[in-house]
């Protein structure tokens, strides 16, 4: 009986710490059109700024289609932060397309 109680106690403690550490990622994919995206320099600067943001896992831009694809954790990156980087490089994004990834 004593061993059974000890086993249950250890199991409950393990479960509490495991559940406490579990933190699901809220991944969002953003595709945005950027009419001003016409030079390699601007493309590289935008990609670098977004990749350096905490919570951004992927950022790719295309000069041909003038679009950018970004995957990020929506709990760490806000739309205002995204907009401020576009403003920093004098970009006025056209259309935003958001999709939650599970």
N, C-alpha and C. Protein backbone atom coordinates (compact mmCIF):
# COMPACT_ATOMS: atom_id res chain seq x y z
N UNK A 1 0.83 -1.20 0.00
CA UNK A 1 0.00 0.00 0.00
C UNK A 1 0.87 1.26 0.00
N UNK A 2 1.95 1.23 0.78
CA UNK A 2 2.84 2.38 0.85
C UNK A 2 3.52 2.63 -0.50
N UNK A 3 3.89 1.55 -1.18
CA UNK A 3 4.53 1.68 -2.50
C UNK A 3 3.53 2.22 -3.53
N UNK A 4 2.30 1.79 -3.41
CA UNK A 4 1.25 2.27 -4.31
C UNK A 4 1.05 3.78 -4.14
N UNK A 5 1.00 4.25 -2.89
CA UNK A 5 0.84 5.68 -2.62
C UNK A 5 2.04 6.47 -3.14
N UNK A 6 3.24 5.95 -2.98
CA UNK A 6 4.45 6.61 -3.47
C UNK A 6 4.43 6.69 -5.00
N UNK A 7 4.02 5.61 -5.64
CA UNK A 7 3.94 5.58 -7.11
C UNK A 7 2.95 6.62 -7.63
N UNK A 8 1.79 6.70 -7.00
CA UNK A 8 0.77 7.67 -7.41
C UNK A 8 1.28 9.09 -7.19
N UNK A 9 1.93 9.35 -6.07
CA UNK A 9 2.45 10.69 -5.78
C UNK A 9 3.49 11.12 -6.80
N UNK A 10 4.42 10.23 -7.12
CA UNK A 10 5.45 10.55 -8.11
C UNK A 10 4.82 10.76 -9.48
N UNK A 11 3.84 9.95 -9.84
CA UNK A 11 3.17 10.10 -11.13
C UNK A 11 2.45 11.44 -11.24
N UNK A 12 1.78 11.84 -10.19
CA UNK A 12 1.07 13.12 -10.19
C UNK A 12 2.05 14.28 -10.32
N UNK A 13 3.15 14.24 -9.57
CA UNK A 13 4.16 15.30 -9.67
C UNK A 13 4.75 15.37 -11.07
N UNK A 14 5.05 14.22 -11.64
CA UNK A 14 5.60 14.18 -13.00
C UNK A 14 4.61 14.79 -13.99
N UNK A 15 3.34 14.43 -13.85
CA UNK A 15 2.31 14.95 -14.76
C UNK A 15 2.17 16.47 -14.62
N UNK A 16 2.22 16.97 -13.40
CA UNK A 16 2.08 18.41 -13.18
C UNK A 16 3.22 19.17 -13.85
N UNK A 17 4.45 18.70 -13.69
CA UNK A 17 5.59 19.39 -14.30
C UNK A 17 5.60 19.24 -15.82
N UNK A 18 5.18 18.11 -16.32
CA UNK A 18 5.14 17.90 -17.76
C UNK A 18 4.09 18.79 -18.41
N UNK A 19 2.92 18.85 -17.83
CA UNK A 19 1.84 19.68 -18.37
C UNK A 19 2.20 21.15 -18.25
N UNK A 20 2.87 21.54 -17.18
CA UNK A 20 3.29 22.93 -17.00
C UNK A 20 4.27 23.39 -18.05
N UNK A 21 5.12 22.49 -18.54
CA UNK A 21 6.12 22.83 -19.54
C UNK A 21 5.56 22.79 -20.95
N UNK A 22 4.44 22.10 -21.16
CA UNK A 22 3.85 21.98 -22.49
C UNK A 22 3.29 23.33 -22.91
N UNK A 23 3.80 23.83 -24.01
CA UNK A 23 3.41 25.15 -24.49
C UNK A 23 3.22 25.07 -26.00
N UNK A 24 2.01 24.79 -26.47
CA UNK A 24 1.81 24.62 -27.91
C UNK A 24 2.13 25.91 -28.68
N UNK A 25 2.66 25.74 -29.86
CA UNK A 25 3.02 26.87 -30.70
C UNK A 25 1.81 27.27 -31.53
N UNK A 26 1.57 28.55 -31.61
CA UNK A 26 0.47 29.11 -32.39
C UNK A 26 1.05 29.65 -33.69
N UNK A 27 1.26 28.74 -34.66
CA UNK A 27 1.95 29.12 -35.90
C UNK A 27 0.95 29.69 -36.91
N UNK A 28 1.32 30.84 -37.45
CA UNK A 28 0.54 31.52 -38.47
C UNK A 28 1.40 31.70 -39.71
N UNK A 29 0.81 31.49 -40.86
CA UNK A 29 1.50 31.75 -42.12
C UNK A 29 0.91 33.02 -42.73
N UNK A 30 1.78 33.93 -43.10
CA UNK A 30 1.37 35.19 -43.71
C UNK A 30 1.94 35.27 -45.12
N UNK A 31 1.07 35.55 -46.08
CA UNK A 31 1.51 35.86 -47.44
C UNK A 31 1.04 37.28 -47.71
N UNK A 32 1.98 38.14 -48.09
CA UNK A 32 1.65 39.54 -48.28
C UNK A 32 2.25 40.04 -49.59
N UNK A 33 1.47 40.83 -50.32
CA UNK A 33 1.98 41.44 -51.56
C UNK A 33 2.60 42.79 -51.21
N UNK A 34 3.75 43.05 -51.82
CA UNK A 34 4.49 44.29 -51.56
C UNK A 34 4.83 44.92 -52.91
N UNK A 35 4.05 45.89 -53.36
CA UNK A 35 4.30 46.50 -54.68
C UNK A 35 5.70 47.10 -54.82
N UNK A 36 6.28 47.59 -53.73
CA UNK A 36 7.61 48.22 -53.79
C UNK A 36 8.76 47.21 -53.86
N UNK A 37 8.47 45.94 -53.74
CA UNK A 37 9.52 44.91 -53.71
C UNK A 37 10.06 44.69 -55.12
N UNK A 38 11.07 45.48 -55.48
CA UNK A 38 11.60 45.39 -56.84
C UNK A 38 13.12 45.29 -56.89
N UNK A 39 13.79 45.41 -55.74
CA UNK A 39 15.25 45.32 -55.75
C UNK A 39 15.72 44.22 -54.81
N UNK A 40 16.84 43.63 -55.16
CA UNK A 40 17.42 42.56 -54.35
C UNK A 40 17.80 43.08 -52.96
N UNK A 41 18.28 44.31 -52.89
CA UNK A 41 18.67 44.89 -51.60
C UNK A 41 17.50 44.98 -50.64
N UNK A 42 16.36 45.47 -51.12
CA UNK A 42 15.17 45.57 -50.27
C UNK A 42 14.69 44.19 -49.85
N UNK A 43 14.70 43.25 -50.77
CA UNK A 43 14.29 41.87 -50.46
C UNK A 43 15.15 41.31 -49.33
N UNK A 44 16.46 41.47 -49.43
CA UNK A 44 17.37 40.92 -48.42
C UNK A 44 17.20 41.62 -47.07
N UNK A 45 16.99 42.94 -47.08
CA UNK A 45 16.82 43.67 -45.82
C UNK A 45 15.52 43.27 -45.12
N UNK A 46 14.44 43.14 -45.89
CA UNK A 46 13.18 42.70 -45.29
C UNK A 46 13.30 41.30 -44.71
N UNK A 47 13.87 40.38 -45.48
CA UNK A 47 14.04 39.01 -44.99
C UNK A 47 14.88 38.98 -43.73
N UNK A 48 15.96 39.73 -43.71
CA UNK A 48 16.85 39.75 -42.55
C UNK A 48 16.14 40.32 -41.32
N UNK A 49 15.43 41.42 -41.48
CA UNK A 49 14.72 42.01 -40.34
C UNK A 49 13.66 41.06 -39.78
N UNK A 50 12.91 40.41 -40.66
CA UNK A 50 11.88 39.49 -40.18
C UNK A 50 12.49 38.24 -39.57
N UNK A 51 13.54 37.71 -40.16
CA UNK A 51 14.18 36.51 -39.61
C UNK A 51 14.80 36.78 -38.24
N UNK A 52 15.21 38.01 -37.98
CA UNK A 52 15.80 38.35 -36.69
C UNK A 52 14.76 38.59 -35.60
N UNK A 53 13.49 38.63 -35.95
CA UNK A 53 12.44 38.81 -34.95
C UNK A 53 12.23 37.51 -34.18
N UNK A 54 12.08 37.64 -32.86
CA UNK A 54 11.76 36.47 -32.04
C UNK A 54 10.38 35.97 -32.43
N UNK A 55 10.28 34.68 -32.70
CA UNK A 55 8.99 34.09 -33.05
C UNK A 55 8.83 33.82 -34.53
N UNK A 56 9.68 34.38 -35.38
CA UNK A 56 9.60 34.14 -36.82
C UNK A 56 10.45 32.92 -37.15
N UNK A 57 9.83 31.91 -37.74
CA UNK A 57 10.56 30.68 -38.07
C UNK A 57 10.98 30.63 -39.54
N UNK A 58 10.30 31.38 -40.39
CA UNK A 58 10.63 31.35 -41.82
C UNK A 58 10.20 32.66 -42.47
N UNK A 59 11.02 33.14 -43.38
CA UNK A 59 10.66 34.33 -44.14
C UNK A 59 11.34 34.25 -45.50
N UNK A 60 10.53 34.31 -46.55
CA UNK A 60 11.04 34.29 -47.93
C UNK A 60 10.28 35.33 -48.74
N UNK A 61 11.01 36.01 -49.61
CA UNK A 61 10.38 37.01 -50.48
C UNK A 61 10.72 36.70 -51.93
N UNK A 62 9.84 37.11 -52.82
CA UNK A 62 10.03 36.88 -54.25
C UNK A 62 9.94 38.21 -54.99
N UNK A 63 10.99 38.51 -55.75
CA UNK A 63 10.97 39.72 -56.58
C UNK A 63 10.02 39.56 -57.77
N UNK A 64 9.93 38.34 -58.28
CA UNK A 64 9.10 38.08 -59.46
C UNK A 64 7.62 38.32 -59.16
N UNK A 65 7.14 37.81 -58.04
CA UNK A 65 5.72 37.95 -57.71
C UNK A 65 5.45 39.11 -56.75
N UNK A 66 6.51 39.72 -56.24
CA UNK A 66 6.42 40.81 -55.26
C UNK A 66 5.59 40.40 -54.05
N UNK A 67 5.87 39.20 -53.57
CA UNK A 67 5.19 38.69 -52.39
C UNK A 67 6.22 38.21 -51.36
N UNK A 68 5.75 38.11 -50.13
CA UNK A 68 6.58 37.59 -49.06
C UNK A 68 5.77 36.56 -48.28
N UNK A 69 6.42 35.46 -47.94
CA UNK A 69 5.82 34.40 -47.13
C UNK A 69 6.55 34.37 -45.81
N UNK A 70 5.79 34.33 -44.73
CA UNK A 70 6.39 34.30 -43.41
C UNK A 70 5.61 33.35 -42.52
N UNK A 71 6.33 32.54 -41.73
CA UNK A 71 5.72 31.69 -40.71
C UNK A 71 6.21 32.18 -39.37
N UNK A 72 5.26 32.39 -38.46
CA UNK A 72 5.64 32.95 -37.16
C UNK A 72 4.69 32.49 -36.07
N UNK A 73 5.15 32.63 -34.82
CA UNK A 73 4.35 32.32 -33.65
C UNK A 73 3.53 33.56 -33.31
N UNK A 74 2.23 33.46 -33.45
CA UNK A 74 1.35 34.63 -33.27
C UNK A 74 1.33 35.13 -31.83
N UNK A 75 1.82 34.32 -30.88
CA UNK A 75 1.88 34.79 -29.50
C UNK A 75 3.09 35.70 -29.28
N UNK A 76 4.06 35.63 -30.17
CA UNK A 76 5.29 36.42 -30.01
C UNK A 76 5.40 37.58 -31.00
N UNK A 77 4.69 37.51 -32.10
CA UNK A 77 4.78 38.53 -33.14
C UNK A 77 3.39 39.14 -33.35
N UNK A 78 3.32 40.45 -33.26
CA UNK A 78 2.02 41.11 -33.45
C UNK A 78 1.95 41.75 -34.84
N UNK A 79 0.74 41.98 -35.33
CA UNK A 79 0.60 42.67 -36.62
C UNK A 79 1.26 44.05 -36.62
N UNK A 80 1.27 44.72 -35.47
CA UNK A 80 1.93 46.03 -35.39
C UNK A 80 3.43 45.93 -35.60
N UNK A 81 4.05 44.86 -35.09
CA UNK A 81 5.48 44.66 -35.30
C UNK A 81 5.78 44.42 -36.78
N UNK A 82 4.93 43.65 -37.41
CA UNK A 82 5.10 43.37 -38.85
C UNK A 82 4.97 44.67 -39.64
N UNK A 83 3.95 45.44 -39.33
CA UNK A 83 3.72 46.70 -40.03
C UNK A 83 4.87 47.68 -39.82
N UNK A 84 5.45 47.69 -38.62
CA UNK A 84 6.54 48.64 -38.36
C UNK A 84 7.78 48.33 -39.19
N UNK A 85 8.03 47.06 -39.48
CA UNK A 85 9.17 46.72 -40.33
C UNK A 85 8.90 47.17 -41.77
N UNK A 86 7.68 46.99 -42.24
CA UNK A 86 7.35 47.48 -43.58
C UNK A 86 7.51 49.00 -43.66
N UNK A 87 7.07 49.70 -42.63
CA UNK A 87 7.20 51.16 -42.61
C UNK A 87 8.67 51.57 -42.56
N UNK A 88 9.48 50.82 -41.84
CA UNK A 88 10.91 51.12 -41.74
C UNK A 88 11.56 51.18 -43.12
N UNK A 89 11.12 50.29 -44.02
CA UNK A 89 11.70 50.22 -45.36
C UNK A 89 10.79 50.88 -46.41
N UNK A 90 9.88 51.73 -45.97
CA UNK A 90 8.98 52.50 -46.85
C UNK A 90 8.17 51.60 -47.79
N UNK A 91 7.66 50.51 -47.24
CA UNK A 91 6.82 49.59 -48.01
C UNK A 91 5.37 49.76 -47.58
N UNK A 92 4.48 49.72 -48.55
CA UNK A 92 3.05 49.76 -48.28
C UNK A 92 2.46 48.45 -48.78
N UNK A 93 2.34 47.45 -47.90
CA UNK A 93 1.81 46.15 -48.33
C UNK A 93 0.41 46.28 -48.91
N UNK A 94 0.16 45.48 -49.94
CA UNK A 94 -1.14 45.49 -50.58
C UNK A 94 -2.13 44.60 -49.87
N UNK A 95 -2.02 43.33 -50.09
CA UNK A 95 -2.98 42.36 -49.58
C UNK A 95 -2.30 41.41 -48.60
N UNK A 96 -2.95 41.20 -47.46
CA UNK A 96 -2.47 40.25 -46.45
C UNK A 96 -3.33 39.00 -46.51
N UNK A 97 -2.70 37.84 -46.41
CA UNK A 97 -3.44 36.57 -46.33
C UNK A 97 -2.85 35.77 -45.18
N UNK A 98 -3.67 35.57 -44.13
CA UNK A 98 -3.23 34.84 -42.94
C UNK A 98 -3.84 33.44 -42.95
N UNK A 99 -3.07 32.48 -42.45
CA UNK A 99 -3.58 31.12 -42.31
C UNK A 99 -2.94 30.49 -41.07
N UNK A 100 -3.78 29.93 -40.19
CA UNK A 100 -3.29 29.22 -39.01
C UNK A 100 -2.79 27.85 -39.45
N UNK A 101 -1.62 27.45 -38.95
CA UNK A 101 -1.06 26.14 -39.25
C UNK A 101 -1.13 25.29 -37.99
N UNK A 102 -1.56 24.06 -38.13
CA UNK A 102 -1.70 23.18 -36.97
C UNK A 102 -0.79 22.00 -37.08
